[in-house]
């Protein structure tokens, strides 16, 4: 006897899906707005993401990162559907990468800038930081954004971008190094920092 009231065996558990994605909705909505720069497109992208996530919820592992899973679905959907009508993802993302975020990141990494350089970064305008970011190869730029602004781990970035963890690490190292070089040049050109007379040693704040 067929029980018409029973859901199909492969139908996602609606309650479990809602419980899983609800804590992530606002973060995913914010990222949709950054990607599309249009509130209407952002809502469409969010709805498409939720529909795809619901239909594929049987593939979600309960102990995995729901936010990363949703962002990966949204990113892939945006690449396939929306990006042709928008600027590149790297240009969108770099607008959120401000000087204070860069200096904070520099302070907590083992290869971070010396204190004078960190202090100098705080005097650099956000538009100058954005210009420096645009001068970095796109794959490195997006990797820096995901790691240093969004806080993703290497493995999460690798999954999002479809690359090995080693590739993520090398792109991140190159992106950070090039960004620091460019911002140091900006700071020196503006007289915020100066190179020591002998050309060696740490950069110094002008006026100190």
N, C-alpha and C. Protein backbone atom coordinates (compact mmCIF):
# COMPACT_ATOMS: atom_id res chain seq x y z
N UNK A 1 0.86 -1.20 0.00
CA UNK A 1 0.00 0.00 0.00
C UNK A 1 0.88 1.24 0.00
N UNK A 2 0.53 2.18 -0.87
CA UNK A 2 1.34 3.39 -1.00
C UNK A 2 0.86 4.44 -0.02
N UNK A 3 1.75 4.92 0.80
CA UNK A 3 1.41 5.97 1.77
C UNK A 3 1.70 7.32 1.14
N UNK A 4 0.64 7.96 0.64
CA UNK A 4 0.84 9.23 -0.07
C UNK A 4 1.30 10.34 0.86
N UNK A 5 1.15 10.18 2.17
CA UNK A 5 1.56 11.21 3.10
C UNK A 5 3.03 11.19 3.42
N UNK A 6 3.74 10.15 3.04
CA UNK A 6 5.17 10.04 3.35
C UNK A 6 6.00 10.75 2.30
N UNK A 7 7.03 11.49 2.70
CA UNK A 7 7.88 12.17 1.73
C UNK A 7 8.75 11.18 1.00
N UNK A 8 9.21 11.51 -0.22
CA UNK A 8 10.14 10.63 -0.93
C UNK A 8 11.35 10.37 -0.06
N UNK A 9 11.95 9.16 -0.17
CA UNK A 9 13.08 8.83 0.71
C UNK A 9 14.29 9.72 0.53
N UNK A 10 14.46 10.31 -0.67
CA UNK A 10 15.63 11.15 -0.89
C UNK A 10 15.34 12.64 -0.70
N UNK A 11 14.17 12.96 -0.20
CA UNK A 11 13.82 14.37 0.02
C UNK A 11 14.61 14.91 1.22
N UNK A 12 15.24 16.09 1.09
CA UNK A 12 16.00 16.64 2.21
C UNK A 12 15.11 16.90 3.42
N UNK A 13 15.69 16.78 4.56
CA UNK A 13 14.98 17.08 5.80
C UNK A 13 14.86 18.60 5.91
N UNK A 14 13.67 19.12 5.69
CA UNK A 14 13.47 20.57 5.65
C UNK A 14 13.86 21.24 6.96
N UNK A 15 13.46 20.66 8.06
CA UNK A 15 13.78 21.26 9.36
C UNK A 15 15.29 21.30 9.58
N UNK A 16 15.97 20.22 9.26
CA UNK A 16 17.42 20.17 9.44
C UNK A 16 18.11 21.17 8.52
N UNK A 17 17.58 21.32 7.30
CA UNK A 17 18.15 22.29 6.37
C UNK A 17 18.03 23.70 6.92
N UNK A 18 16.84 24.05 7.40
CA UNK A 18 16.62 25.39 7.95
C UNK A 18 17.52 25.63 9.15
N UNK A 19 17.63 24.64 10.02
CA UNK A 19 18.50 24.78 11.19
C UNK A 19 19.96 24.97 10.80
N UNK A 20 20.36 24.35 9.70
CA UNK A 20 21.76 24.42 9.26
C UNK A 20 22.09 25.76 8.63
N UNK A 21 21.21 26.26 7.76
CA UNK A 21 21.55 27.46 6.99
C UNK A 21 21.14 28.76 7.67
N UNK A 22 20.18 28.72 8.57
CA UNK A 22 19.69 29.96 9.18
C UNK A 22 20.79 30.81 9.82
N UNK A 23 21.73 30.23 10.58
CA UNK A 23 22.77 31.07 11.19
C UNK A 23 23.70 31.73 10.18
N UNK A 24 23.67 31.25 8.93
CA UNK A 24 24.61 31.76 7.91
C UNK A 24 23.98 32.75 6.95
N UNK A 25 22.66 32.91 7.01
CA UNK A 25 21.94 33.65 5.98
C UNK A 25 22.46 35.07 5.82
N UNK A 26 22.62 35.81 6.91
CA UNK A 26 23.02 37.21 6.79
C UNK A 26 24.42 37.34 6.22
N UNK A 27 25.33 36.45 6.60
CA UNK A 27 26.68 36.49 6.04
C UNK A 27 26.65 36.19 4.55
N UNK A 28 25.86 35.21 4.15
CA UNK A 28 25.77 34.86 2.74
C UNK A 28 25.09 35.98 1.96
N UNK A 29 24.08 36.61 2.54
CA UNK A 29 23.43 37.75 1.89
C UNK A 29 24.43 38.89 1.68
N UNK A 30 25.25 39.17 2.68
CA UNK A 30 26.25 40.22 2.55
C UNK A 30 27.24 39.93 1.44
N UNK A 31 27.65 38.69 1.32
CA UNK A 31 28.58 38.33 0.25
C UNK A 31 27.92 38.40 -1.11
N UNK A 32 26.64 38.06 -1.17
CA UNK A 32 25.92 38.19 -2.44
C UNK A 32 25.87 39.65 -2.88
N UNK A 33 25.68 40.56 -1.93
CA UNK A 33 25.65 41.98 -2.27
C UNK A 33 27.01 42.47 -2.74
N UNK A 34 28.08 41.95 -2.13
CA UNK A 34 29.41 42.36 -2.57
C UNK A 34 29.72 41.84 -3.97
N UNK A 35 29.25 40.65 -4.27
CA UNK A 35 29.52 40.08 -5.58
C UNK A 35 28.72 40.77 -6.67
N UNK A 36 27.47 41.09 -6.41
CA UNK A 36 26.60 41.62 -7.46
C UNK A 36 26.55 43.14 -7.51
N UNK A 37 26.78 43.81 -6.38
CA UNK A 37 26.67 45.27 -6.22
C UNK A 37 25.27 45.79 -6.53
N UNK A 38 24.30 44.92 -6.54
CA UNK A 38 22.92 45.30 -6.84
C UNK A 38 22.02 44.53 -5.88
N UNK A 39 21.22 45.23 -5.07
CA UNK A 39 20.42 44.52 -4.06
C UNK A 39 19.43 43.53 -4.65
N UNK A 40 18.89 43.83 -5.83
CA UNK A 40 17.94 42.92 -6.46
C UNK A 40 18.64 41.67 -6.97
N UNK A 41 19.78 41.87 -7.64
CA UNK A 41 20.56 40.72 -8.10
C UNK A 41 21.06 39.90 -6.91
N UNK A 42 21.40 40.60 -5.82
CA UNK A 42 21.90 39.90 -4.64
C UNK A 42 20.83 38.98 -4.06
N UNK A 43 19.58 39.47 -4.00
CA UNK A 43 18.50 38.63 -3.48
C UNK A 43 18.23 37.45 -4.42
N UNK A 44 18.31 37.71 -5.73
CA UNK A 44 18.13 36.61 -6.69
C UNK A 44 19.22 35.56 -6.51
N UNK A 45 20.46 36.05 -6.35
CA UNK A 45 21.58 35.13 -6.16
C UNK A 45 21.42 34.34 -4.87
N UNK A 46 20.98 35.01 -3.82
CA UNK A 46 20.77 34.33 -2.55
C UNK A 46 19.69 33.26 -2.68
N UNK A 47 18.58 33.60 -3.35
CA UNK A 47 17.50 32.62 -3.52
C UNK A 47 17.95 31.43 -4.35
N UNK A 48 18.69 31.71 -5.44
CA UNK A 48 19.21 30.61 -6.26
C UNK A 48 20.14 29.72 -5.45
N UNK A 49 20.96 30.36 -4.62
CA UNK A 49 21.89 29.60 -3.77
C UNK A 49 21.14 28.70 -2.81
N UNK A 50 20.09 29.23 -2.19
CA UNK A 50 19.32 28.44 -1.24
C UNK A 50 18.61 27.27 -1.93
N UNK A 51 18.09 27.51 -3.13
CA UNK A 51 17.43 26.43 -3.86
C UNK A 51 18.41 25.32 -4.21
N UNK A 52 19.59 25.72 -4.69
CA UNK A 52 20.61 24.72 -5.03
C UNK A 52 21.09 23.99 -3.78
N UNK A 53 21.23 24.74 -2.70
CA UNK A 53 21.68 24.12 -1.45
C UNK A 53 20.63 23.12 -0.95
N UNK A 54 19.36 23.48 -1.05
CA UNK A 54 18.30 22.59 -0.58
C UNK A 54 18.25 21.31 -1.41
N UNK A 55 18.35 21.48 -2.73
CA UNK A 55 18.28 20.29 -3.59
C UNK A 55 19.50 19.40 -3.42
N UNK A 56 20.63 19.99 -3.00
CA UNK A 56 21.83 19.20 -2.81
C UNK A 56 22.17 18.94 -1.36
N UNK A 57 21.19 19.14 -0.48
CA UNK A 57 21.47 19.03 0.95
C UNK A 57 21.87 17.61 1.37
N UNK A 58 21.48 16.62 0.58
CA UNK A 58 21.86 15.24 0.91
C UNK A 58 23.37 15.03 0.82
N UNK A 59 24.07 15.96 0.13
CA UNK A 59 25.53 15.83 0.02
C UNK A 59 26.27 16.54 1.15
N UNK A 60 25.54 17.33 1.95
CA UNK A 60 26.18 18.09 3.02
C UNK A 60 26.52 17.18 4.19
N UNK A 61 27.75 17.29 4.67
CA UNK A 61 28.19 16.52 5.82
C UNK A 61 27.88 17.31 7.10
N UNK A 62 27.15 16.74 8.03
CA UNK A 62 26.72 17.48 9.23
C UNK A 62 27.86 18.11 10.02
N UNK A 63 29.04 17.52 9.99
CA UNK A 63 30.14 18.06 10.79
C UNK A 63 31.03 19.01 10.00
N UNK A 64 30.60 19.40 8.79
CA UNK A 64 31.39 20.31 7.97
C UNK A 64 30.93 21.75 8.17
N UNK A 65 31.61 22.69 7.51
CA UNK A 65 31.36 24.12 7.67
C UNK A 65 30.21 24.54 6.76
N UNK A 66 29.06 24.84 7.32
CA UNK A 66 27.89 25.20 6.52
C UNK A 66 28.12 26.51 5.77
N UNK A 67 28.78 27.46 6.41
CA UNK A 67 29.02 28.75 5.76
C UNK A 67 29.88 28.57 4.52
N UNK A 68 30.94 27.80 4.63
CA UNK A 68 31.82 27.56 3.49
C UNK A 68 31.09 26.79 2.40
N UNK A 69 30.27 25.84 2.79
CA UNK A 69 29.49 25.07 1.82
C UNK A 69 28.54 25.97 1.04
N UNK A 70 27.83 26.84 1.74
CA UNK A 70 26.91 27.76 1.07
C UNK A 70 27.65 28.76 0.19
N UNK A 71 28.78 29.28 0.68
CA UNK A 71 29.52 30.25 -0.11
C UNK A 71 30.05 29.61 -1.38
N UNK A 72 30.49 28.36 -1.30
CA UNK A 72 30.98 27.68 -2.49
C UNK A 72 29.87 27.53 -3.52
N UNK A 73 28.68 27.17 -3.07
CA UNK A 73 27.53 27.06 -3.99
C UNK A 73 27.23 28.42 -4.61
N UNK A 74 27.21 29.47 -3.79
CA UNK A 74 26.90 30.80 -4.28
C UNK A 74 27.97 31.30 -5.25
N UNK A 75 29.24 31.08 -4.90
CA UNK A 75 30.33 31.53 -5.75
C UNK A 75 30.24 30.86 -7.12
N UNK A 76 30.05 29.56 -7.14
CA UNK A 76 29.95 28.84 -8.41
C UNK A 76 28.74 29.30 -9.21
N UNK A 77 27.63 29.53 -8.53
CA UNK A 77 26.43 30.01 -9.20
C UNK A 77 26.64 31.39 -9.79
N UNK A 78 27.33 32.25 -9.04
CA UNK A 78 27.60 33.60 -9.52
C UNK A 78 28.52 33.58 -10.73
N UNK A 79 29.57 32.76 -10.67
CA UNK A 79 30.49 32.65 -11.80
C UNK A 79 29.74 32.24 -13.05
N UNK A 80 28.84 31.28 -12.91
CA UNK A 80 28.13 30.74 -14.07
C UNK A 80 27.00 31.63 -14.57
N UNK A 81 26.42 32.44 -13.69
CA UNK A 81 25.19 33.16 -14.04
C UNK A 81 25.32 34.67 -14.07
N UNK A 82 26.02 35.24 -13.08
CA UNK A 82 25.96 36.68 -12.87
C UNK A 82 27.22 37.42 -13.30
N UNK A 83 28.36 36.76 -13.26
CA UNK A 83 29.60 37.51 -13.40
C UNK A 83 29.74 38.18 -14.76
N UNK A 84 29.16 37.60 -15.80
CA UNK A 84 29.27 38.20 -17.12
C UNK A 84 28.70 39.61 -17.16
N UNK A 85 27.78 39.90 -16.24
CA UNK A 85 27.15 41.23 -16.21
C UNK A 85 27.82 42.18 -15.23
N UNK A 86 28.85 41.71 -14.54
CA UNK A 86 29.45 42.51 -13.49
C UNK A 86 30.94 42.65 -13.70
N UNK A 87 31.57 43.45 -12.84
CA UNK A 87 33.01 43.52 -12.81
C UNK A 87 33.57 42.22 -12.27
N UNK A 88 34.88 42.04 -12.38
CA UNK A 88 35.49 40.79 -11.92
C UNK A 88 35.34 40.65 -10.42
N UNK A 89 35.37 39.39 -9.95
CA UNK A 89 35.25 39.14 -8.52
C UNK A 89 36.36 39.82 -7.75
N UNK A 90 37.56 39.88 -8.32
CA UNK A 90 38.68 40.49 -7.61
C UNK A 90 38.43 41.97 -7.35
N UNK A 91 37.84 42.68 -8.32
CA UNK A 91 37.56 44.09 -8.14
C UNK A 91 36.48 44.29 -7.09
N UNK A 92 35.49 43.40 -7.08
CA UNK A 92 34.44 43.50 -6.07
C UNK A 92 35.01 43.29 -4.68
N UNK A 93 35.79 42.24 -4.52
CA UNK A 93 36.25 41.87 -3.20
C UNK A 93 37.23 42.86 -2.62
N UNK A 94 38.07 43.46 -3.46
CA UNK A 94 39.12 44.31 -2.91
C UNK A 94 38.55 45.58 -2.29
N UNK A 95 37.31 45.94 -2.61
CA UNK A 95 36.72 47.12 -1.99
C UNK A 95 36.49 46.93 -0.50
N UNK A 96 36.42 45.68 -0.06
CA UNK A 96 36.19 45.39 1.36
C UNK A 96 37.49 45.21 2.13
N UNK A 97 38.61 45.27 1.42
CA UNK A 97 39.90 45.01 2.06
C UNK A 97 40.53 46.36 2.40
N UNK A 98 40.36 46.82 3.62
CA UNK A 98 40.80 48.15 3.99
C UNK A 98 42.16 48.15 4.64
N UNK A 99 42.73 49.33 4.81
CA UNK A 99 44.09 49.41 5.35
C UNK A 99 44.18 48.87 6.76
N UNK A 100 43.17 49.11 7.59
CA UNK A 100 43.26 48.61 8.96
C UNK A 100 43.21 47.09 8.99
N UNK A 101 42.49 46.48 8.05
CA UNK A 101 42.47 45.03 8.00
C UNK A 101 43.83 44.48 7.60
N UNK A 102 44.47 45.15 6.66
CA UNK A 102 45.79 44.71 6.23
C UNK A 102 46.80 44.84 7.36
N UNK A 103 46.78 45.97 8.06
CA UNK A 103 47.75 46.15 9.13
C UNK A 103 47.49 45.19 10.27
N UNK A 104 46.22 44.90 10.54
CA UNK A 104 45.92 43.92 11.59
C UNK A 104 46.43 42.55 11.20
N UNK A 105 46.25 42.20 9.93
CA UNK A 105 46.75 40.90 9.46
C UNK A 105 48.26 40.84 9.57
N UNK A 106 48.92 41.95 9.23
CA UNK A 106 50.38 41.97 9.26
C UNK A 106 50.91 41.76 10.66
N UNK A 107 50.19 42.27 11.65
CA UNK A 107 50.64 42.16 13.03
C UNK A 107 50.59 40.74 13.56
N UNK A 108 49.65 39.92 13.04
CA UNK A 108 49.52 38.61 13.65
C UNK A 108 50.11 37.48 12.82
N UNK A 109 50.79 37.81 11.71
CA UNK A 109 51.45 36.77 10.94
C UNK A 109 52.93 36.75 11.28
N UNK A 110 53.53 35.58 11.09
CA UNK A 110 54.94 35.43 11.42
C UNK A 110 55.82 36.25 10.51
N UNK A 111 55.30 36.60 9.33
CA UNK A 111 56.07 37.40 8.39
C UNK A 111 55.54 38.82 8.32
N UNK A 112 54.87 39.27 9.35
CA UNK A 112 54.23 40.58 9.36
C UNK A 112 55.20 41.72 9.25
N UNK A 113 54.66 42.89 8.95
CA UNK A 113 55.48 44.07 8.78
C UNK A 113 56.06 44.53 10.11
N UNK A 114 57.17 45.25 10.05
CA UNK A 114 57.73 45.86 11.26
C UNK A 114 56.79 46.96 11.74
N UNK A 115 56.91 47.34 12.97
CA UNK A 115 55.95 48.26 13.57
C UNK A 115 55.83 49.57 12.81
N UNK A 116 56.95 50.10 12.31
CA UNK A 116 56.89 51.35 11.57
C UNK A 116 56.07 51.20 10.31
N UNK A 117 56.19 50.05 9.65
CA UNK A 117 55.44 49.84 8.43
C UNK A 117 53.95 49.65 8.72
N UNK A 118 53.65 48.97 9.82
CA UNK A 118 52.26 48.82 10.22
C UNK A 118 51.64 50.19 10.51
N UNK A 119 52.38 51.01 11.23
CA UNK A 119 51.90 52.35 11.56
C UNK A 119 51.71 53.17 10.28
N UNK A 120 52.61 52.98 9.33
CA UNK A 120 52.50 53.71 8.07
C UNK A 120 51.25 53.28 7.30
N UNK A 121 50.95 51.99 7.32
CA UNK A 121 49.77 51.51 6.61
C UNK A 121 48.49 52.17 7.10
N UNK A 122 48.47 52.49 8.39
CA UNK A 122 47.28 53.12 8.95
C UNK A 122 47.06 54.52 8.38
N UNK A 123 48.09 55.11 7.79
CA UNK A 123 47.98 56.45 7.21
C UNK A 123 47.66 56.40 5.72
N UNK A 124 47.61 55.22 5.14
CA UNK A 124 47.33 55.09 3.72
C UNK A 124 45.82 55.01 3.51
N UNK A 125 45.32 55.76 2.52
CA UNK A 125 43.89 55.82 2.27
C UNK A 125 43.38 54.48 1.72
N UNK A 126 42.09 54.22 1.96
CA UNK A 126 41.50 52.97 1.48
C UNK A 126 41.58 52.85 -0.03
N UNK A 127 41.41 53.98 -0.76
CA UNK A 127 41.46 53.90 -2.22
C UNK A 127 42.85 53.52 -2.70
N UNK A 128 43.88 53.90 -1.95
CA UNK A 128 45.24 53.52 -2.31
C UNK A 128 45.46 52.03 -2.06
N UNK A 129 44.85 51.52 -0.99
CA UNK A 129 44.92 50.09 -0.73
C UNK A 129 44.22 49.33 -1.86
N UNK A 130 43.05 49.82 -2.27
CA UNK A 130 42.30 49.17 -3.35
C UNK A 130 43.09 49.19 -4.65
N UNK A 131 43.75 50.32 -4.95
CA UNK A 131 44.58 50.40 -6.16
C UNK A 131 45.71 49.38 -6.11
N UNK A 132 46.33 49.25 -4.94
CA UNK A 132 47.41 48.27 -4.80
C UNK A 132 46.88 46.86 -5.01
N UNK A 133 45.72 46.58 -4.47
CA UNK A 133 45.13 45.25 -4.64
C UNK A 133 44.86 44.94 -6.11
N UNK A 134 44.41 45.96 -6.85
CA UNK A 134 44.09 45.73 -8.27
C UNK A 134 45.35 45.46 -9.09
N UNK A 135 46.50 45.83 -8.56
CA UNK A 135 47.76 45.59 -9.27
C UNK A 135 48.28 44.17 -9.05
N UNK A 136 47.63 43.42 -8.18
CA UNK A 136 48.04 42.05 -7.88
C UNK A 136 47.25 41.10 -8.77
N UNK A 137 47.87 40.02 -9.28
CA UNK A 137 47.13 39.04 -10.07
C UNK A 137 45.85 38.59 -9.37
N UNK A 138 44.79 38.44 -10.14
CA UNK A 138 43.46 38.21 -9.56
C UNK A 138 43.41 37.01 -8.63
N UNK A 139 44.04 35.90 -9.03
CA UNK A 139 43.94 34.71 -8.17
C UNK A 139 44.62 34.94 -6.83
N UNK A 140 45.72 35.69 -6.82
CA UNK A 140 46.39 36.00 -5.56
C UNK A 140 45.55 36.95 -4.72
N UNK A 141 44.92 37.91 -5.39
CA UNK A 141 44.10 38.91 -4.71
C UNK A 141 42.91 38.26 -4.00
N UNK A 142 42.22 37.39 -4.69
CA UNK A 142 41.06 36.73 -4.10
C UNK A 142 41.50 35.83 -2.95
N UNK A 143 42.65 35.18 -3.11
CA UNK A 143 43.16 34.32 -2.04
C UNK A 143 43.47 35.13 -0.79
N UNK A 144 44.10 36.30 -0.96
CA UNK A 144 44.39 37.18 0.17
C UNK A 144 43.09 37.62 0.84
N UNK A 145 42.11 37.97 0.04
CA UNK A 145 40.83 38.40 0.60
C UNK A 145 40.19 37.29 1.44
N UNK A 146 40.11 36.11 0.87
CA UNK A 146 39.45 35.01 1.57
C UNK A 146 40.16 34.65 2.86
N UNK A 147 41.49 34.72 2.85
CA UNK A 147 42.26 34.35 4.04
C UNK A 147 42.26 35.45 5.09
N UNK A 148 42.54 36.69 4.68
CA UNK A 148 42.82 37.75 5.64
C UNK A 148 41.61 38.60 6.01
N UNK A 149 40.60 38.62 5.17
CA UNK A 149 39.38 39.37 5.48
C UNK A 149 38.27 38.44 5.94
N UNK A 150 38.03 37.38 5.16
CA UNK A 150 36.95 36.46 5.50
C UNK A 150 37.37 35.44 6.55
N UNK A 151 38.67 35.21 6.69
CA UNK A 151 39.14 34.31 7.74
C UNK A 151 39.05 32.84 7.42
N UNK A 152 38.99 32.49 6.14
CA UNK A 152 38.94 31.09 5.77
C UNK A 152 40.29 30.41 6.00
N UNK A 153 40.25 29.13 6.35
CA UNK A 153 41.46 28.33 6.48
C UNK A 153 41.92 27.89 5.09
N UNK A 154 43.19 27.44 5.01
CA UNK A 154 43.74 27.02 3.72
C UNK A 154 42.85 25.99 3.03
N UNK A 155 42.42 24.98 3.78
CA UNK A 155 41.62 23.92 3.18
C UNK A 155 40.27 24.44 2.67
N UNK A 156 39.70 25.38 3.37
CA UNK A 156 38.43 25.96 2.93
C UNK A 156 38.61 26.75 1.65
N UNK A 157 39.69 27.52 1.57
CA UNK A 157 39.97 28.29 0.35
C UNK A 157 40.22 27.35 -0.81
N UNK A 158 40.97 26.29 -0.56
CA UNK A 158 41.25 25.31 -1.60
C UNK A 158 39.95 24.72 -2.15
N UNK A 159 39.01 24.43 -1.25
CA UNK A 159 37.73 23.88 -1.69
C UNK A 159 36.92 24.91 -2.47
N UNK A 160 36.93 26.16 -2.02
CA UNK A 160 36.19 27.22 -2.70
C UNK A 160 36.72 27.48 -4.10
N UNK A 161 38.05 27.46 -4.25
CA UNK A 161 38.67 27.84 -5.51
C UNK A 161 39.03 26.63 -6.37
N UNK A 162 38.83 25.44 -5.83
CA UNK A 162 39.11 24.24 -6.60
C UNK A 162 40.58 24.02 -6.89
N UNK A 163 41.44 24.34 -5.92
CA UNK A 163 42.88 24.21 -6.09
C UNK A 163 43.47 23.45 -4.91
N UNK A 164 44.68 22.88 -5.06
CA UNK A 164 45.33 22.21 -3.94
C UNK A 164 45.69 23.20 -2.83
N UNK A 165 45.83 22.70 -1.62
CA UNK A 165 46.19 23.55 -0.48
C UNK A 165 47.54 24.21 -0.72
N UNK A 166 48.49 23.49 -1.30
CA UNK A 166 49.80 24.07 -1.58
C UNK A 166 49.72 25.27 -2.51
N UNK A 167 48.83 25.22 -3.48
CA UNK A 167 48.63 26.35 -4.39
C UNK A 167 48.07 27.55 -3.64
N UNK A 168 47.12 27.30 -2.75
CA UNK A 168 46.56 28.38 -1.93
C UNK A 168 47.66 29.05 -1.11
N UNK A 169 48.51 28.26 -0.49
CA UNK A 169 49.57 28.81 0.35
C UNK A 169 50.55 29.65 -0.45
N UNK A 170 50.92 29.19 -1.64
CA UNK A 170 51.87 29.95 -2.45
C UNK A 170 51.24 31.23 -2.99
N UNK A 171 49.97 31.17 -3.39
CA UNK A 171 49.28 32.37 -3.86
C UNK A 171 49.14 33.39 -2.74
N UNK A 172 48.84 32.91 -1.55
CA UNK A 172 48.69 33.81 -0.41
C UNK A 172 50.02 34.48 -0.08
N UNK A 173 51.09 33.72 -0.09
CA UNK A 173 52.41 34.28 0.21
C UNK A 173 52.80 35.32 -0.83
N UNK A 174 52.59 35.00 -2.11
CA UNK A 174 52.94 35.96 -3.17
C UNK A 174 52.06 37.20 -3.10
N UNK A 175 50.77 37.00 -2.85
CA UNK A 175 49.86 38.15 -2.78
C UNK A 175 50.19 39.07 -1.63
N UNK A 176 50.45 38.52 -0.45
CA UNK A 176 50.81 39.35 0.70
C UNK A 176 52.12 40.09 0.46
N UNK A 177 53.10 39.38 -0.08
CA UNK A 177 54.40 40.00 -0.31
C UNK A 177 54.29 41.16 -1.30
N UNK A 178 53.59 40.93 -2.41
CA UNK A 178 53.46 41.98 -3.42
C UNK A 178 52.65 43.16 -2.89
N UNK A 179 51.62 42.89 -2.11
CA UNK A 179 50.80 43.96 -1.55
C UNK A 179 51.63 44.83 -0.62
N UNK A 180 52.45 44.22 0.20
CA UNK A 180 53.30 44.99 1.11
C UNK A 180 54.29 45.84 0.32
N UNK A 181 54.86 45.27 -0.74
CA UNK A 181 55.80 46.03 -1.56
C UNK A 181 55.13 47.26 -2.15
N UNK A 182 53.95 47.08 -2.70
CA UNK A 182 53.23 48.20 -3.33
C UNK A 182 52.86 49.27 -2.31
N UNK A 183 52.39 48.85 -1.13
CA UNK A 183 51.99 49.82 -0.12
C UNK A 183 53.20 50.51 0.50
N UNK A 184 54.31 49.82 0.61
CA UNK A 184 55.54 50.47 1.06
C UNK A 184 55.95 51.56 0.08
N UNK A 185 55.81 51.27 -1.23
CA UNK A 185 56.14 52.27 -2.25
C UNK A 185 55.23 53.49 -2.13
N UNK A 186 53.93 53.26 -1.91
CA UNK A 186 53.00 54.37 -1.73
C UNK A 186 53.40 55.21 -0.52
N UNK A 187 53.71 54.54 0.57
CA UNK A 187 54.07 55.25 1.80
C UNK A 187 55.34 56.07 1.62
N UNK A 188 56.32 55.52 0.91
CA UNK A 188 57.57 56.26 0.68
C UNK A 188 57.32 57.45 -0.25
N UNK A 189 56.51 57.25 -1.30
CA UNK A 189 56.21 58.34 -2.23
C UNK A 189 55.50 59.49 -1.53
N UNK A 190 54.68 59.18 -0.55
CA UNK A 190 53.95 60.22 0.18
C UNK A 190 54.74 60.76 1.36
N UNK A 191 55.92 60.24 1.58
CA UNK A 191 56.75 60.72 2.67
C UNK A 191 56.32 60.23 4.03
N UNK A 192 55.49 59.18 4.06
CA UNK A 192 55.05 58.63 5.34
C UNK A 192 56.17 57.86 6.00
N UNK A 193 56.92 57.13 5.18
CA UNK A 193 58.09 56.42 5.69
C UNK A 193 59.28 56.74 4.82
N UNK A 194 60.47 56.51 5.33
CA UNK A 194 61.68 56.77 4.55
C UNK A 194 62.61 55.57 4.67
N UNK A 195 63.41 55.39 3.64
CA UNK A 195 64.40 54.34 3.64
C UNK A 195 65.63 54.83 4.38
N UNK A 196 66.25 54.01 5.24
CA UNK A 196 67.46 54.42 5.94
C UNK A 196 68.54 54.88 4.97
N UNK A 197 69.41 55.77 5.44
CA UNK A 197 70.44 56.36 4.58
C UNK A 197 71.31 55.30 3.93
N UNK A 198 71.60 54.22 4.63
CA UNK A 198 72.45 53.18 4.06
C UNK A 198 71.68 52.21 3.17
N UNK A 199 70.36 52.45 3.03
CA UNK A 199 69.56 51.59 2.17
C UNK A 199 69.24 50.24 2.77
N UNK A 200 69.62 50.05 4.02
CA UNK A 200 69.40 48.76 4.66
C UNK A 200 68.63 48.95 5.96
N UNK A 201 68.26 47.85 6.56
CA UNK A 201 67.56 47.94 7.84
C UNK A 201 66.10 48.26 7.65
N UNK A 202 65.36 48.37 8.74
CA UNK A 202 63.92 48.60 8.66
C UNK A 202 63.59 50.01 8.17
N UNK A 203 62.43 50.12 7.53
CA UNK A 203 61.95 51.44 7.14
C UNK A 203 61.59 52.23 8.39
N UNK A 204 61.71 53.56 8.29
CA UNK A 204 61.46 54.42 9.44
C UNK A 204 60.33 55.38 9.12
N UNK A 205 59.53 55.71 10.12
CA UNK A 205 58.49 56.71 9.93
C UNK A 205 59.12 58.08 9.74
N UNK A 206 58.66 58.81 8.74
CA UNK A 206 59.17 60.16 8.52
C UNK A 206 58.83 61.03 9.71
N UNK A 207 59.79 61.84 10.15
CA UNK A 207 59.57 62.72 11.28
C UNK A 207 59.93 62.11 12.60
N UNK A 208 60.29 60.80 12.61
CA UNK A 208 60.67 60.15 13.87
C UNK A 208 62.19 60.15 14.00
